[in-house]
Amino acid sequence: MKKYGKVLMLALFVIVFVGMFVFLYRKSRPEEIRYEQLRPTVTDIRKTTVVTGKIVPRDEINIKPQISGIITELYKEAGESVREGEVIAKVKVIPEMGSLSSAQSRVRLAEINLNQAVVELEREQALYDRQLVSREEYDKVKQARDQAKEEYDAAVDALEVVRDGVSRSNANSSSTLIRSTISGLVLDVPVKVGNSVIQSNTFNDGTTIAIVADMNDLIFDGKIDETEVGRLDEGMNMQITIGALQDLSFDAVLEYIAPKAVENNGTNEFQIKAAVNVPGNARIRSGYSANAKIVLESADSVLAVPESTLEFSGDSVFVYVMGSDSTYARRQIVTGLSDGINIEVREGVAADDKLRGNRIYKSK
């Protein structure tokens, strides 16, 4: 048994020794490196940038009341269409006591003047019928009565407006009925029945009853970094994609570049706006996040190689070109426009040259 054990130990030692020898031999062999082989191609190169922003209506109109009061009726909800002049809400007036008292006093005074004018006209009428006064004197008294009646009617209208927000003479154009000033889509109704509202004046903007916009006239509103804004010009084409609608893309035309930058997280950005051409069957919501792809520079039908084949040394650029002996030689080239993947080659290689590409594998 001892004899067999020694033989087994010896065999195991030999196997381990041979394995170590083979492993070290393979490790000591030089690596064989192989590369992809490629040729320059003729292609179009576009240098682009992507601007983030959102899709918004060109104009959002805040509908505000012309009087202060309390909302008693709401006739529209967010998402509904509205026509210009259509009633959105109704307001009940809460009169200001000083104005109400003044209007009531004006009515009482106008009534007194009217009664006096009526009495004088009746007296003048009796004298005129007996031909004791001239026609001219009678007409003057009649005119005074008519003026007193107009003043009384105006005072009553003013009282009704102060007290009720509407008078019998202008019921169709009542300021208690809040109407849309444009045709479009109701984006938001930030008030509820029972809310108090105030009209806009010198000291405040007033309460917004509804926000209405024409959703057929949309723009892309975004910001671009100062390093790229110098390459933009009004009238440039853009391609818009919306994150929420991944299968939808459409064109836009740049129409505004802000003359002043806005600082954002330590960088200067410029606002841009572009008119959006939305397909007729697309339903776009206000505020959708969107990306705008803009072509800053382009080169058509130029000789190009992948950027991964380049080697940089200082300000010089090199590629490796296969020679007649099937070995690669380093050659300096002159490059042009790049799109981040391919780069234009202006001098240094021809279309039939074979270039060294990326390393594909190595073996022992």
Protein backbone atom coordinates (compact mmCIF):
# COMPACT_ATOMS: atom_id res chain seq x y z
CA MET A 1 0.00 0.00 0.00
CA LYS A 2 2.84 2.37 0.84
CA LYS A 3 4.42 1.60 -2.52
CA TYR A 4 1.22 2.50 -4.39
CA GLY A 5 0.83 5.67 -2.35
CA LYS A 6 4.29 6.86 -3.32
CA VAL A 7 3.59 6.18 -6.99
CA LEU A 8 0.34 8.12 -6.81
CA MET A 9 2.01 11.10 -5.13
CA LEU A 10 4.76 11.07 -7.74
CA ALA A 11 2.24 10.99 -10.61
CA LEU A 12 0.32 13.88 -9.07
CA PHE A 13 3.53 15.89 -8.73
CA VAL A 14 4.42 15.27 -12.38
CA ILE A 15 0.96 16.37 -13.55
CA VAL A 16 1.14 19.60 -11.53
CA PHE A 17 4.68 20.29 -12.79
CA VAL A 18 3.73 19.77 -16.43
CA GLY A 19 0.61 21.92 -16.02
CA MET A 20 2.63 24.78 -14.54
CA PHE A 21 5.17 24.48 -17.35
CA VAL A 22 2.46 24.66 -20.03
CA PHE A 23 0.76 27.62 -18.33
CA LEU A 24 4.00 29.61 -18.05
CA TYR A 25 4.92 28.80 -21.63
CA ARG A 26 1.62 30.07 -22.96
CA LYS A 27 1.85 33.21 -20.88
CA SER A 28 5.31 33.95 -22.22
CA ARG A 29 4.20 33.79 -25.88
CA PRO A 30 3.73 37.22 -27.56
CA GLU A 31 0.14 38.36 -28.13
CA GLU A 32 -1.22 38.23 -31.64
CA ILE A 33 -3.39 41.32 -32.15
CA ARG A 34 -5.86 41.52 -35.01
CA TYR A 35 -7.83 44.51 -36.29
CA GLU A 36 -10.87 45.19 -38.39
CA GLN A 37 -10.13 46.21 -41.95
CA LEU A 38 -12.22 48.95 -43.48
CA ARG A 39 -12.32 51.43 -46.32
CA PRO A 40 -13.30 55.11 -46.37
CA THR A 41 -16.89 55.71 -47.47
CA VAL A 42 -18.64 58.54 -49.27
CA THR A 43 -21.48 59.80 -47.10
CA ASP A 44 -23.33 62.85 -45.79
CA ILE A 45 -22.24 64.19 -42.42
CA ARG A 46 -24.47 66.30 -40.21
CA LYS A 47 -23.30 68.02 -37.04
CA THR A 48 -26.38 68.33 -34.86
CA THR A 49 -27.37 69.48 -31.41
CA VAL A 50 -30.40 68.58 -29.33
CA VAL A 51 -32.28 71.28 -27.42
CA THR A 52 -34.66 70.38 -24.62
CA GLY A 53 -37.86 72.34 -24.09
CA LYS A 54 -41.62 71.97 -24.22
CA ILE A 55 -44.56 72.42 -26.57
CA VAL A 56 -46.80 75.34 -25.63
CA PRO A 57 -49.46 77.46 -27.35
CA ARG A 58 -48.16 80.63 -28.91
CA ASP A 59 -50.62 82.63 -26.80
CA GLU A 60 -52.34 81.64 -23.57
CA ILE A 61 -55.09 84.10 -22.63
CA ASN A 62 -56.07 84.64 -19.00
CA ILE A 63 -59.78 85.41 -18.82
CA LYS A 64 -60.42 87.85 -15.95
CA PRO A 65 -63.62 89.48 -14.63
CA GLN A 66 -64.51 93.11 -15.17
CA ILE A 67 -66.12 93.28 -11.74
CA SER A 68 -65.47 91.88 -8.28
CA GLY A 69 -67.84 89.35 -6.77
CA ILE A 70 -68.50 85.64 -6.19
CA ILE A 71 -68.61 82.86 -8.78
CA THR A 72 -72.17 81.52 -8.98
CA GLU A 73 -71.97 79.44 -12.17
CA LEU A 74 -69.25 77.76 -14.21
CA TYR A 75 -70.22 76.77 -17.73
CA LYS A 76 -66.89 75.36 -18.97
CA GLU A 77 -64.33 72.85 -17.74
CA ALA A 78 -60.69 72.28 -18.65
CA GLY A 79 -60.41 70.40 -21.94
CA GLU A 80 -63.59 71.82 -23.49
CA SER A 81 -63.67 74.00 -26.57
CA VAL A 82 -64.94 77.56 -26.38
CA ARG A 83 -65.87 80.16 -28.98
CA GLU A 84 -65.04 83.83 -28.86
CA GLY A 85 -67.73 85.61 -26.85
CA GLU A 86 -69.07 82.40 -25.29
CA VAL A 87 -69.93 82.62 -21.57
CA ILE A 88 -67.51 80.77 -19.29
CA ALA A 89 -68.77 81.80 -15.87
CA LYS A 90 -71.24 84.02 -14.03
CA VAL A 91 -70.35 86.35 -11.17
CA LYS A 92 -72.63 87.71 -8.46
CA VAL A 93 -71.69 91.23 -7.49
CA ILE A 94 -70.95 92.14 -3.89
CA PRO A 95 -71.41 95.93 -3.98
CA GLU A 96 -69.03 98.31 -2.25
CA MET A 97 -71.14 100.20 0.28
CA GLY A 98 -69.73 103.64 -0.54
CA SER A 99 -70.45 103.25 -4.23
CA LEU A 100 -73.90 101.80 -3.52
CA SER A 101 -74.83 104.71 -1.25
CA SER A 102 -73.63 107.24 -3.82
CA ALA A 103 -75.62 105.56 -6.61
CA GLN A 104 -78.79 105.49 -4.49
CA SER A 105 -78.36 109.17 -3.67
CA ARG A 106 -77.99 109.98 -7.36
CA VAL A 107 -81.25 108.15 -8.16
CA ARG A 108 -83.15 110.04 -5.47
CA LEU A 109 -81.86 113.41 -6.69
CA ALA A 110 -82.64 112.52 -10.32
CA GLU A 111 -86.16 111.47 -9.32
CA ILE A 112 -86.76 114.80 -7.57
CA ASN A 113 -85.55 116.71 -10.62
CA LEU A 114 -87.72 114.59 -12.91
CA ASN A 115 -90.86 115.15 -10.85
CA GLN A 116 -90.22 118.88 -10.84
CA ALA A 117 -89.66 118.87 -14.60
CA VAL A 118 -92.94 116.96 -15.13
CA VAL A 119 -94.88 119.50 -13.05
CA GLU A 120 -93.37 122.41 -14.94
CA LEU A 121 -94.14 120.77 -18.27
CA GLU A 122 -97.77 120.21 -17.28
CA ARG A 123 -98.06 123.86 -16.25
CA GLU A 124 -96.42 124.99 -19.49
CA GLN A 125 -98.68 122.69 -21.49
CA ALA A 126 -101.79 124.37 -20.01
CA LEU A 127 -100.45 127.83 -20.82
CA TYR A 128 -99.47 126.77 -24.32
CA ASP A 129 -102.93 125.33 -24.98
CA ARG A 130 -104.43 128.71 -24.03
CA GLN A 131 -101.84 130.36 -26.31
CA LEU A 132 -100.35 132.31 -23.42
CA VAL A 133 -96.77 131.20 -24.11
CA SER A 134 -94.88 130.76 -27.33
CA ARG A 135 -93.93 127.50 -28.95
CA GLU A 136 -90.28 128.22 -28.26
CA GLU A 137 -90.82 128.57 -24.50
CA TYR A 138 -92.90 125.38 -24.43
CA ASP A 139 -90.16 123.42 -26.28
CA LYS A 140 -87.54 124.55 -23.78
CA VAL A 141 -89.58 123.27 -20.85
CA LYS A 142 -90.25 120.00 -22.69
CA GLN A 143 -86.56 119.61 -23.39
CA ALA A 144 -85.76 120.13 -19.72
CA ARG A 145 -88.25 117.38 -18.83
CA ASP A 146 -86.64 115.01 -21.36
CA GLN A 147 -83.18 115.72 -19.98
CA ALA A 148 -84.37 115.07 -16.43
CA LYS A 149 -85.83 111.73 -17.54
CA GLU A 150 -82.55 110.72 -19.24
CA GLU A 151 -80.63 111.59 -16.09
CA TYR A 152 -83.04 109.54 -13.99
CA ASP A 153 -82.74 106.51 -16.32
CA ALA A 154 -78.94 106.78 -16.28
CA ALA A 155 -78.93 106.98 -12.48
CA VAL A 156 -81.13 103.88 -12.23
CA ASP A 157 -78.82 102.00 -14.63
CA ALA A 158 -75.78 103.03 -12.60
CA LEU A 159 -77.45 101.83 -9.40
CA GLU A 160 -78.32 98.46 -10.93
CA VAL A 161 -74.75 98.02 -12.18
CA VAL A 162 -73.29 98.82 -8.75
CA ARG A 163 -75.84 96.65 -6.95
CA ASP A 164 -76.31 93.76 -9.40
CA GLY A 165 -73.47 94.12 -11.89
CA VAL A 166 -75.97 94.44 -14.74
CA SER A 167 -78.72 96.83 -15.75
CA ARG A 168 -81.86 96.28 -17.78
CA SER A 169 -80.50 98.40 -20.64
CA ASN A 170 -77.24 96.41 -21.07
CA ALA A 171 -78.31 92.92 -20.00
CA ASN A 172 -76.83 91.33 -23.14
CA SER A 173 -73.36 92.73 -22.41
CA SER A 174 -73.46 92.19 -18.69
CA SER A 175 -70.11 92.29 -16.90
CA THR A 176 -71.42 89.54 -14.58
CA LEU A 177 -71.17 87.12 -17.50
CA ILE A 178 -67.50 86.24 -18.04
CA ARG A 179 -66.93 85.60 -21.75
CA SER A 180 -63.99 84.15 -23.63
CA THR A 181 -62.05 86.70 -25.66
CA ILE A 182 -60.78 84.10 -28.17
CA SER A 183 -61.81 80.79 -29.68
CA GLY A 184 -59.79 77.80 -28.52
CA LEU A 185 -59.39 75.17 -25.83
CA VAL A 186 -59.92 75.77 -22.12
CA LEU A 187 -56.60 74.72 -20.56
CA ASP A 188 -57.48 75.43 -16.94
CA VAL A 189 -60.28 76.77 -14.76
CA PRO A 190 -58.51 77.65 -11.49
CA VAL A 191 -61.67 78.79 -9.64
CA LYS A 192 -64.72 77.04 -8.19
CA VAL A 193 -68.30 78.05 -7.57
CA GLY A 194 -68.34 80.17 -4.43
CA ASN A 195 -64.84 81.60 -4.88
CA SER A 196 -64.43 85.34 -4.55
CA VAL A 197 -62.92 87.10 -7.57
CA ILE A 198 -61.61 90.62 -8.08
CA GLN A 199 -61.21 92.68 -11.20
CA SER A 200 -57.77 93.80 -12.35
CA ASN A 201 -56.69 97.28 -11.35
CA THR A 202 -53.59 99.34 -10.65
CA PHE A 203 -52.71 97.33 -7.55
CA ASN A 204 -53.32 93.73 -8.67
CA ASP A 205 -53.73 91.59 -11.78
CA GLY A 206 -57.20 90.36 -10.88
CA THR A 207 -58.46 86.80 -10.56
CA THR A 208 -58.03 84.44 -13.48
CA ILE A 209 -61.32 82.71 -14.27
CA ALA A 210 -59.97 80.51 -17.07
CA ILE A 211 -56.95 80.04 -19.32
CA VAL A 212 -57.78 79.66 -23.02
CA ALA A 213 -55.42 78.96 -25.91
CA ASP A 214 -55.55 78.17 -29.61
CA MET A 215 -54.04 74.67 -29.75
CA ASN A 216 -53.72 74.89 -33.54
CA ASP A 217 -50.93 77.45 -33.15
CA LEU A 218 -48.15 75.81 -31.14
CA ILE A 219 -44.48 76.62 -30.62
CA PHE A 220 -41.42 74.83 -29.24
CA ASP A 221 -39.97 76.79 -26.32
CA GLY A 222 -36.47 75.74 -25.27
CA LYS A 223 -33.02 76.90 -24.18
CA ILE A 224 -29.65 76.40 -25.89
CA ASP A 225 -26.14 76.75 -24.49
CA GLU A 226 -24.13 79.85 -25.36
CA THR A 227 -21.45 77.71 -27.06
CA GLU A 228 -23.92 76.73 -29.78
CA VAL A 229 -26.28 79.68 -30.08
CA GLY A 230 -23.86 81.49 -32.43
CA ARG A 231 -24.47 78.82 -35.09
CA LEU A 232 -28.23 79.35 -35.13
CA ASP A 233 -30.15 81.58 -37.51
CA GLU A 234 -33.82 82.37 -37.66
CA GLY A 235 -35.52 80.27 -40.31
CA MET A 236 -33.50 77.11 -39.61
CA ASN A 237 -35.40 73.82 -39.75
CA MET A 238 -35.74 71.65 -36.65
CA GLN A 239 -37.09 68.18 -35.98
CA ILE A 240 -39.25 67.85 -32.87
CA THR A 241 -39.77 64.67 -30.88
CA ILE A 242 -41.99 64.35 -27.81
CA GLY A 243 -41.07 61.95 -25.02
CA ALA A 244 -44.70 61.07 -24.30
CA LEU A 245 -45.36 60.33 -27.98
CA GLN A 246 -42.30 58.34 -29.03
CA ASP A 247 -43.63 57.39 -32.45
CA LEU A 248 -44.37 60.98 -33.41
CA SER A 249 -41.94 63.52 -34.84
CA PHE A 250 -42.65 66.66 -36.82
CA ASP A 251 -40.97 69.72 -38.28
CA ALA A 252 -40.54 73.20 -36.86
CA VAL A 253 -38.99 76.45 -38.04
CA LEU A 254 -36.83 78.55 -35.73
CA GLU A 255 -38.34 82.01 -35.44
CA TYR A 256 -36.87 83.58 -32.29
CA ILE A 257 -33.47 83.66 -30.56
CA ALA A 258 -33.31 85.62 -27.31
CA PRO A 259 -30.88 88.57 -27.41
CA LYS A 260 -30.02 88.08 -23.73
CA ALA A 261 -28.79 85.00 -21.87
CA VAL A 262 -30.27 83.57 -18.69
CA GLU A 263 -27.98 81.91 -16.15
CA ASN A 264 -28.93 78.35 -15.28
CA ASN A 265 -26.79 76.27 -12.89
CA GLY A 266 -23.72 78.33 -13.69
CA THR A 267 -24.11 78.25 -17.48
CA ASN A 268 -25.53 80.88 -19.81
CA GLU A 269 -28.48 79.77 -21.92
CA PHE A 270 -30.51 81.54 -24.58
CA GLN A 271 -34.22 81.03 -25.11
CA ILE A 272 -35.34 79.94 -28.56
CA LYS A 273 -38.81 79.54 -30.06
CA ALA A 274 -39.88 77.65 -33.16
CA ALA A 275 -43.19 77.44 -34.99
CA VAL A 276 -44.38 73.83 -34.88
CA ASN A 277 -46.04 72.08 -37.80
CA VAL A 278 -48.18 69.46 -36.06
CA PRO A 279 -49.81 66.69 -38.14
CA GLY A 280 -53.59 67.01 -38.27
CA ASN A 281 -54.25 63.67 -36.56
CA ALA A 282 -51.89 64.34 -33.63
CA ARG A 283 -53.31 65.36 -30.28
CA ILE A 284 -50.75 67.56 -28.55
CA ARG A 285 -51.20 68.74 -24.98
CA SER A 286 -49.82 72.01 -23.69
CA GLY A 287 -46.60 71.57 -21.74
CA TYR A 288 -45.39 68.31 -23.32
CA SER A 289 -41.63 67.90 -22.84
CA ALA A 290 -39.90 67.81 -26.22
CA ASN A 291 -36.48 67.67 -27.88
CA ALA A 292 -35.52 69.69 -30.94
CA LYS A 293 -32.80 68.33 -33.22
CA ILE A 294 -31.02 71.11 -35.11
CA VAL A 295 -28.46 70.64 -37.91
CA LEU A 296 -25.66 73.11 -37.15
CA GLU A 297 -23.35 72.16 -40.05
CA SER A 298 -23.48 69.70 -42.93
CA ALA A 299 -21.21 68.21 -45.56
CA ASP A 300 -22.71 66.23 -48.46
CA SER A 301 -21.07 63.36 -50.34
CA VAL A 302 -17.69 63.57 -48.61
CA LEU A 303 -15.06 60.91 -47.92
CA ALA A 304 -15.33 59.82 -44.29
CA VAL A 305 -13.91 57.31 -41.84
CA PRO A 306 -15.03 56.24 -38.35
CA GLU A 307 -13.58 58.43 -35.64
CA SER A 308 -12.46 55.30 -33.80
CA THR A 309 -9.75 54.74 -36.45
CA LEU A 310 -8.00 58.04 -35.71
CA GLU A 311 -4.86 58.54 -33.67
CA PHE A 312 -4.11 62.00 -32.28
CA SER A 313 -0.71 63.44 -31.56
CA GLY A 314 -0.67 67.09 -30.61
CA ASP A 315 -2.50 68.98 -33.33
CA SER A 316 -1.95 66.21 -35.89
CA VAL A 317 -4.28 63.36 -36.83
CA PHE A 318 -3.15 59.96 -38.16
CA VAL A 319 -4.61 56.73 -39.51
CA TYR A 320 -2.97 53.40 -40.30
CA VAL A 321 -3.08 52.43 -44.00
CA MET A 322 -2.29 48.96 -45.33
CA GLY A 323 0.64 48.82 -47.72
CA SER A 324 1.55 46.38 -50.49
CA ASP A 325 3.26 44.14 -47.93
CA SER A 326 -0.01 43.77 -45.95
CA THR A 327 1.37 45.78 -43.03
CA TYR A 328 -0.10 49.00 -41.71
CA ALA A 329 1.81 52.28 -41.97
CA ARG A 330 0.99 55.43 -40.02
CA ARG A 331 -0.17 58.29 -42.25
CA GLN A 332 -1.11 61.88 -41.39
CA ILE A 333 -4.47 63.16 -42.64
CA VAL A 334 -6.48 66.40 -42.70
CA THR A 335 -9.97 66.09 -41.21
CA GLY A 336 -13.12 68.15 -41.51
CA LEU A 337 -16.64 67.95 -40.12
CA SER A 338 -17.56 65.26 -37.59
CA ASP A 339 -20.92 63.97 -36.39
CA GLY A 340 -19.42 62.14 -33.41
CA ILE A 341 -19.28 58.78 -35.23
CA ASN A 342 -17.84 59.52 -38.67
CA ILE A 343 -15.45 62.28 -39.63
CA GLU A 344 -14.72 63.92 -42.98
CA VAL A 345 -11.25 63.28 -44.43
CA ARG A 346 -10.10 66.09 -46.70
CA GLU A 347 -6.54 64.93 -47.38
CA GLY A 348 -4.43 61.85 -46.74
CA VAL A 349 -6.46 58.83 -47.84
CA ALA A 350 -8.27 57.66 -50.96
CA ALA A 351 -11.50 55.76 -51.34
CA ASP A 352 -9.67 52.49 -52.19
CA ASP A 353 -7.25 52.59 -49.23
CA LYS A 354 -7.51 49.86 -46.62
CA LEU A 355 -7.47 51.23 -43.08
CA ARG A 356 -6.84 49.62 -39.73
CA GLY A 357 -9.97 49.60 -37.64
CA ASN A 358 -10.74 48.49 -34.12
CA ARG A 359 -9.00 45.55 -32.43
CA ILE A 360 -11.25 42.53 -32.77
CA TYR A 361 -9.50 39.79 -30.70
CA LYS A 362 -6.17 38.49 -29.44
CA SER A 363 -4.81 34.97 -29.07
CA LYS A 364 -1.78 33.14 -27.60
